Amino acid sequence: MWDPEYFATSMLRILASHDSAASVLQVRARGKKATIGIVDVGEWVPLLRLSNPSAACNVMNLDVRQGRGWAPTFERGTPDQLAQHLLGPLRFTWAAEVEAIGGSETSGRRH
């Protein structure tokens, strides 16, 4: 059975093993999609979305939050491949928000 939450959690585990700032990112899965975000002052802030799974190839698309919707990053891959993109050219898609809350989900306020 295909599990987007497991896919996203695997990707985040790889990401956090290379960049400790990613350790505050959380996964919320629903259906065939998984959303990755942070909790800021008790409010869920979605940052990334994994969608369009292919269980046969263990790949998903990576989208980034843009306003109230989602924009494609045009990246599709395995958890390891997507983590590498998020460590490199796509780091800005999540790191700025993590840094804005002080890098801790328990900080309770923006710094």
N, C-alpha and C. Protein backbone atom coordinates (compact mmCIF):
# COMPACT_ATOMS: atom_id res chain seq x y z
N MET A 1 0.84 -1.20 0.00
CA MET A 1 0.00 0.00 0.00
C MET A 1 0.88 1.26 0.00
N TRP A 2 0.51 2.24 -0.77
CA TRP A 2 1.24 3.49 -0.89
C TRP A 2 0.96 4.38 0.32
N ASP A 3 2.00 4.98 0.88
CA ASP A 3 1.84 5.79 2.07
C ASP A 3 2.59 7.11 1.94
N PRO A 4 1.90 8.20 1.56
CA PRO A 4 2.55 9.50 1.41
C PRO A 4 3.16 10.02 2.71
N GLU A 5 2.56 9.68 3.85
CA GLU A 5 3.12 10.13 5.13
C GLU A 5 4.49 9.49 5.36
N TYR A 6 4.62 8.22 5.06
CA TYR A 6 5.90 7.54 5.20
C TYR A 6 6.93 8.14 4.25
N PHE A 7 6.52 8.42 3.01
CA PHE A 7 7.40 9.03 2.03
C PHE A 7 7.91 10.38 2.55
N ALA A 8 7.00 11.23 3.02
CA ALA A 8 7.37 12.56 3.52
C ALA A 8 8.25 12.46 4.76
N THR A 9 7.92 11.55 5.67
CA THR A 9 8.71 11.38 6.88
C THR A 9 10.12 10.91 6.54
N SER A 10 10.24 10.02 5.57
CA SER A 10 11.56 9.56 5.12
C SER A 10 12.36 10.71 4.55
N MET A 11 11.71 11.54 3.75
CA MET A 11 12.38 12.70 3.16
C MET A 11 12.85 13.66 4.25
N LEU A 12 12.00 13.93 5.23
CA LEU A 12 12.37 14.83 6.32
C LEU A 12 13.49 14.27 7.18
N ARG A 13 13.50 12.98 7.38
CA ARG A 13 14.57 12.35 8.16
C ARG A 13 15.92 12.58 7.46
N ILE A 14 15.96 12.42 6.15
CA ILE A 14 17.19 12.65 5.39
C ILE A 14 17.56 14.13 5.47
N LEU A 15 16.58 14.99 5.28
CA LEU A 15 16.82 16.44 5.32
C LEU A 15 17.39 16.87 6.66
N ALA A 16 16.78 16.41 7.75
CA ALA A 16 17.22 16.79 9.10
C ALA A 16 18.59 16.21 9.45
N SER A 17 18.93 15.08 8.85
CA SER A 17 20.25 14.49 9.13
C SER A 17 21.38 15.33 8.53
N HIS A 18 21.06 16.16 7.57
CA HIS A 18 22.05 17.04 6.94
C HIS A 18 21.92 18.50 7.37
N ASP A 19 20.75 18.87 7.85
CA ASP A 19 20.49 20.27 8.25
C ASP A 19 19.57 20.24 9.46
N SER A 20 20.12 20.51 10.64
CA SER A 20 19.34 20.40 11.88
C SER A 20 18.17 21.37 11.92
N ALA A 21 18.20 22.44 11.16
CA ALA A 21 17.07 23.38 11.13
C ALA A 21 15.79 22.69 10.65
N ALA A 22 15.93 21.66 9.86
CA ALA A 22 14.76 20.95 9.32
C ALA A 22 14.06 20.08 10.36
N SER A 23 14.66 19.93 11.52
CA SER A 23 14.06 19.04 12.54
C SER A 23 12.72 19.55 13.06
N VAL A 24 12.39 20.82 12.87
CA VAL A 24 11.10 21.34 13.34
C VAL A 24 9.99 21.16 12.31
N LEU A 25 10.33 20.75 11.10
CA LEU A 25 9.32 20.53 10.08
C LEU A 25 8.47 19.32 10.45
N GLN A 26 7.18 19.42 10.16
CA GLN A 26 6.23 18.35 10.49
C GLN A 26 5.47 17.93 9.25
N VAL A 27 4.93 16.73 9.29
CA VAL A 27 4.17 16.17 8.18
C VAL A 27 2.71 16.01 8.58
N ARG A 28 1.85 16.38 7.66
CA ARG A 28 0.41 16.09 7.79
C ARG A 28 -0.02 15.48 6.46
N ALA A 29 -0.52 14.27 6.52
CA ALA A 29 -0.90 13.57 5.30
C ALA A 29 -2.41 13.42 5.21
N ARG A 30 -2.88 13.46 3.99
CA ARG A 30 -4.31 13.26 3.73
C ARG A 30 -4.46 12.71 2.32
N GLY A 31 -5.04 11.55 2.24
CA GLY A 31 -5.21 10.92 0.93
C GLY A 31 -3.87 10.61 0.29
N LYS A 32 -3.72 11.06 -0.95
CA LYS A 32 -2.49 10.79 -1.70
C LYS A 32 -1.51 11.95 -1.66
N LYS A 33 -1.69 12.85 -0.69
CA LYS A 33 -0.81 14.01 -0.56
C LYS A 33 -0.29 14.11 0.86
N ALA A 34 0.87 14.73 0.98
CA ALA A 34 1.44 15.02 2.30
C ALA A 34 1.89 16.47 2.30
N THR A 35 1.55 17.18 3.35
CA THR A 35 1.94 18.58 3.49
C THR A 35 3.01 18.67 4.56
N ILE A 36 4.01 19.47 4.30
CA ILE A 36 5.10 19.68 5.24
C ILE A 36 5.05 21.14 5.68
N GLY A 37 5.12 21.35 6.98
CA GLY A 37 5.04 22.72 7.48
C GLY A 37 5.60 22.83 8.87
N ILE A 38 5.27 23.95 9.51
CA ILE A 38 5.72 24.23 10.87
C ILE A 38 4.53 24.72 11.68
N VAL A 39 4.68 24.68 12.98
CA VAL A 39 3.68 25.27 13.88
C VAL A 39 4.30 26.56 14.41
N ASP A 40 3.61 27.67 14.15
CA ASP A 40 4.07 28.99 14.58
C ASP A 40 2.99 29.61 15.45
N VAL A 41 3.31 29.84 16.70
CA VAL A 41 2.38 30.39 17.69
C VAL A 41 1.07 29.58 17.68
N GLY A 42 1.23 28.25 17.67
CA GLY A 42 0.09 27.36 17.72
C GLY A 42 -0.67 27.22 16.41
N GLU A 43 -0.22 27.86 15.35
CA GLU A 43 -0.92 27.81 14.07
C GLU A 43 -0.10 27.02 13.05
N TRP A 44 -0.77 26.12 12.33
CA TRP A 44 -0.14 25.31 11.29
C TRP A 44 0.16 26.20 10.08
N VAL A 45 1.42 26.17 9.63
CA VAL A 45 1.85 26.94 8.46
C VAL A 45 2.38 25.95 7.43
N PRO A 46 1.61 25.66 6.37
CA PRO A 46 2.07 24.74 5.34
C PRO A 46 3.13 25.40 4.47
N LEU A 47 4.19 24.67 4.15
CA LEU A 47 5.28 25.21 3.35
C LEU A 47 5.49 24.44 2.04
N LEU A 48 5.40 23.12 2.12
CA LEU A 48 5.67 22.26 0.98
C LEU A 48 4.58 21.20 0.88
N ARG A 49 4.41 20.68 -0.33
CA ARG A 49 3.43 19.61 -0.51
C ARG A 49 4.03 18.55 -1.43
N LEU A 50 3.81 17.31 -1.08
CA LEU A 50 4.18 16.18 -1.93
C LEU A 50 2.90 15.64 -2.52
N SER A 51 2.88 15.47 -3.84
CA SER A 51 1.66 15.04 -4.52
C SER A 51 2.00 14.15 -5.72
N ASN A 52 0.96 13.64 -6.33
CA ASN A 52 1.07 12.83 -7.55
C ASN A 52 2.01 11.65 -7.36
N PRO A 53 1.70 10.75 -6.43
CA PRO A 53 2.61 9.64 -6.14
C PRO A 53 2.63 8.58 -7.23
N SER A 54 3.76 7.94 -7.35
CA SER A 54 3.92 6.74 -8.17
C SER A 54 4.53 5.68 -7.28
N ALA A 55 3.70 4.80 -6.78
CA ALA A 55 4.18 3.78 -5.86
C ALA A 55 5.17 2.84 -6.54
N ALA A 56 4.99 2.61 -7.82
CA ALA A 56 5.88 1.70 -8.54
C ALA A 56 7.31 2.22 -8.57
N CYS A 57 7.47 3.54 -8.63
CA CYS A 57 8.80 4.13 -8.71
C CYS A 57 9.22 4.82 -7.42
N ASN A 58 8.33 4.88 -6.42
CA ASN A 58 8.59 5.56 -5.15
C ASN A 58 9.01 7.01 -5.37
N VAL A 59 8.22 7.74 -6.18
CA VAL A 59 8.49 9.15 -6.43
C VAL A 59 7.23 9.97 -6.22
N MET A 60 7.43 11.25 -5.91
CA MET A 60 6.33 12.20 -5.79
C MET A 60 6.79 13.55 -6.33
N ASN A 61 5.82 14.41 -6.62
CA ASN A 61 6.11 15.79 -7.03
C ASN A 61 6.26 16.64 -5.79
N LEU A 62 7.09 17.68 -5.89
CA LEU A 62 7.29 18.63 -4.80
C LEU A 62 6.73 19.98 -5.23
N ASP A 63 5.78 20.49 -4.43
CA ASP A 63 5.18 21.80 -4.67
C ASP A 63 5.51 22.71 -3.51
N VAL A 64 5.48 24.02 -3.75
CA VAL A 64 5.78 25.00 -2.71
C VAL A 64 4.56 25.90 -2.53
N ARG A 65 4.33 26.32 -1.30
CA ARG A 65 3.21 27.20 -0.99
C ARG A 65 3.42 28.55 -1.64
N GLN A 66 2.40 29.03 -2.32
CA GLN A 66 2.45 30.35 -2.94
C GLN A 66 1.10 31.02 -2.71
N GLY A 67 1.09 31.99 -1.80
CA GLY A 67 -0.18 32.62 -1.42
C GLY A 67 -1.08 31.59 -0.76
N ARG A 68 -2.29 31.46 -1.29
CA ARG A 68 -3.24 30.48 -0.75
C ARG A 68 -3.23 29.17 -1.52
N GLY A 69 -2.36 29.08 -2.52
CA GLY A 69 -2.31 27.88 -3.34
C GLY A 69 -0.93 27.24 -3.36
N TRP A 70 -0.71 26.43 -4.37
CA TRP A 70 0.53 25.70 -4.52
C TRP A 70 1.12 25.95 -5.90
N ALA A 71 2.43 26.07 -5.95
CA ALA A 71 3.15 26.24 -7.22
C ALA A 71 4.10 25.05 -7.38
N PRO A 72 4.20 24.53 -8.59
CA PRO A 72 5.11 23.40 -8.79
C PRO A 72 6.57 23.85 -8.74
N THR A 73 7.41 22.99 -8.20
CA THR A 73 8.85 23.26 -8.24
C THR A 73 9.46 22.59 -9.47
N PHE A 74 8.68 21.75 -10.12
CA PHE A 74 9.10 20.95 -11.27
C PHE A 74 10.14 19.91 -10.87
N GLU A 75 10.14 19.57 -9.58
CA GLU A 75 11.01 18.50 -9.08
C GLU A 75 10.13 17.30 -8.74
N ARG A 76 10.57 16.14 -9.18
CA ARG A 76 9.89 14.88 -8.89
C ARG A 76 10.99 13.88 -8.58
N GLY A 77 10.80 13.13 -7.51
CA GLY A 77 11.85 12.18 -7.18
C GLY A 77 11.55 11.35 -5.97
N THR A 78 12.55 10.60 -5.57
CA THR A 78 12.50 9.76 -4.38
C THR A 78 12.69 10.66 -3.16
N PRO A 79 12.47 10.14 -1.96
CA PRO A 79 12.72 10.96 -0.77
C PRO A 79 14.14 11.52 -0.74
N ASP A 80 15.13 10.71 -1.09
CA ASP A 80 16.51 11.17 -1.08
C ASP A 80 16.75 12.26 -2.13
N GLN A 81 16.23 12.09 -3.32
CA GLN A 81 16.42 13.09 -4.37
C GLN A 81 15.78 14.42 -4.00
N LEU A 82 14.57 14.38 -3.45
CA LEU A 82 13.89 15.62 -3.07
C LEU A 82 14.58 16.28 -1.89
N ALA A 83 15.08 15.49 -0.95
CA ALA A 83 15.82 16.06 0.19
C ALA A 83 17.05 16.81 -0.31
N GLN A 84 17.72 16.26 -1.30
CA GLN A 84 18.92 16.92 -1.84
C GLN A 84 18.56 18.27 -2.47
N HIS A 85 17.43 18.35 -3.16
CA HIS A 85 16.98 19.63 -3.72
C HIS A 85 16.64 20.62 -2.61
N LEU A 86 16.03 20.10 -1.53
CA LEU A 86 15.65 20.97 -0.41
C LEU A 86 16.85 21.40 0.44
N LEU A 87 17.94 20.72 0.31
CA LEU A 87 19.18 21.12 0.99
C LEU A 87 19.95 22.13 0.16
N GLY A 88 19.71 22.13 -1.14
CA GLY A 88 20.44 22.98 -2.05
C GLY A 88 19.60 24.13 -2.58
N PRO A 89 19.28 24.08 -3.87
CA PRO A 89 18.63 25.23 -4.51
C PRO A 89 17.23 25.56 -3.98
N LEU A 90 16.57 24.61 -3.33
CA LEU A 90 15.22 24.87 -2.81
C LEU A 90 15.19 25.07 -1.30
N ARG A 91 16.33 25.26 -0.68
CA ARG A 91 16.38 25.44 0.77
C ARG A 91 15.55 26.65 1.21
N PHE A 92 15.54 27.68 0.40
CA PHE A 92 14.79 28.90 0.75
C PHE A 92 13.30 28.64 0.92
N THR A 93 12.77 27.57 0.35
CA THR A 93 11.33 27.31 0.41
C THR A 93 10.84 26.94 1.80
N TRP A 94 11.76 26.58 2.68
CA TRP A 94 11.38 26.23 4.04
C TRP A 94 12.25 26.91 5.11
N ALA A 95 13.49 27.18 4.82
CA ALA A 95 14.43 27.67 5.82
C ALA A 95 14.08 29.05 6.38
N ALA A 96 13.57 29.94 5.56
CA ALA A 96 13.25 31.29 6.04
C ALA A 96 12.17 31.24 7.12
N GLU A 97 11.16 30.42 6.93
CA GLU A 97 10.10 30.30 7.94
C GLU A 97 10.62 29.66 9.22
N VAL A 98 11.46 28.66 9.09
CA VAL A 98 12.05 28.02 10.27
C VAL A 98 12.89 29.03 11.04
N GLU A 99 13.69 29.78 10.34
CA GLU A 99 14.53 30.80 10.99
C GLU A 99 13.68 31.90 11.62
N ALA A 100 12.54 32.22 11.01
CA ALA A 100 11.67 33.28 11.53
C ALA A 100 11.06 32.92 12.88
N ILE A 101 10.87 31.63 13.12
CA ILE A 101 10.32 31.22 14.42
C ILE A 101 11.43 30.84 15.39
N GLY A 102 12.64 31.10 15.02
CA GLY A 102 13.76 30.82 15.91
C GLY A 102 14.25 29.40 15.86
N GLY A 103 13.81 28.64 14.84
CA GLY A 103 14.28 27.28 14.68
C GLY A 103 13.73 26.29 15.68
N SER A 104 12.68 26.69 16.41
CA SER A 104 12.12 25.78 17.40
C SER A 104 10.60 25.86 17.37
N GLU A 105 9.96 24.71 17.26
CA GLU A 105 8.50 24.68 17.24
C GLU A 105 7.92 25.07 18.58
N THR A 106 8.74 25.08 19.61
CA THR A 106 8.24 25.43 20.93
C THR A 106 8.56 26.87 21.30
N SER A 107 9.09 27.64 20.35
CA SER A 107 9.48 29.00 20.67
C SER A 107 8.27 29.87 21.01
N GLY A 108 7.12 29.56 20.39
CA GLY A 108 5.90 30.28 20.74
C GLY A 108 5.73 31.64 20.12
N ARG A 109 6.78 32.20 19.54
CA ARG A 109 6.63 33.49 18.88
C ARG A 109 7.75 33.68 17.87
N ARG A 110 7.51 34.60 16.97
CA ARG A 110 8.53 34.93 15.97
C ARG A 110 9.60 35.80 16.61
N HIS A 111 10.82 35.66 16.14
CA HIS A 111 11.93 36.47 16.64
C HIS A 111 12.30 37.52 15.63
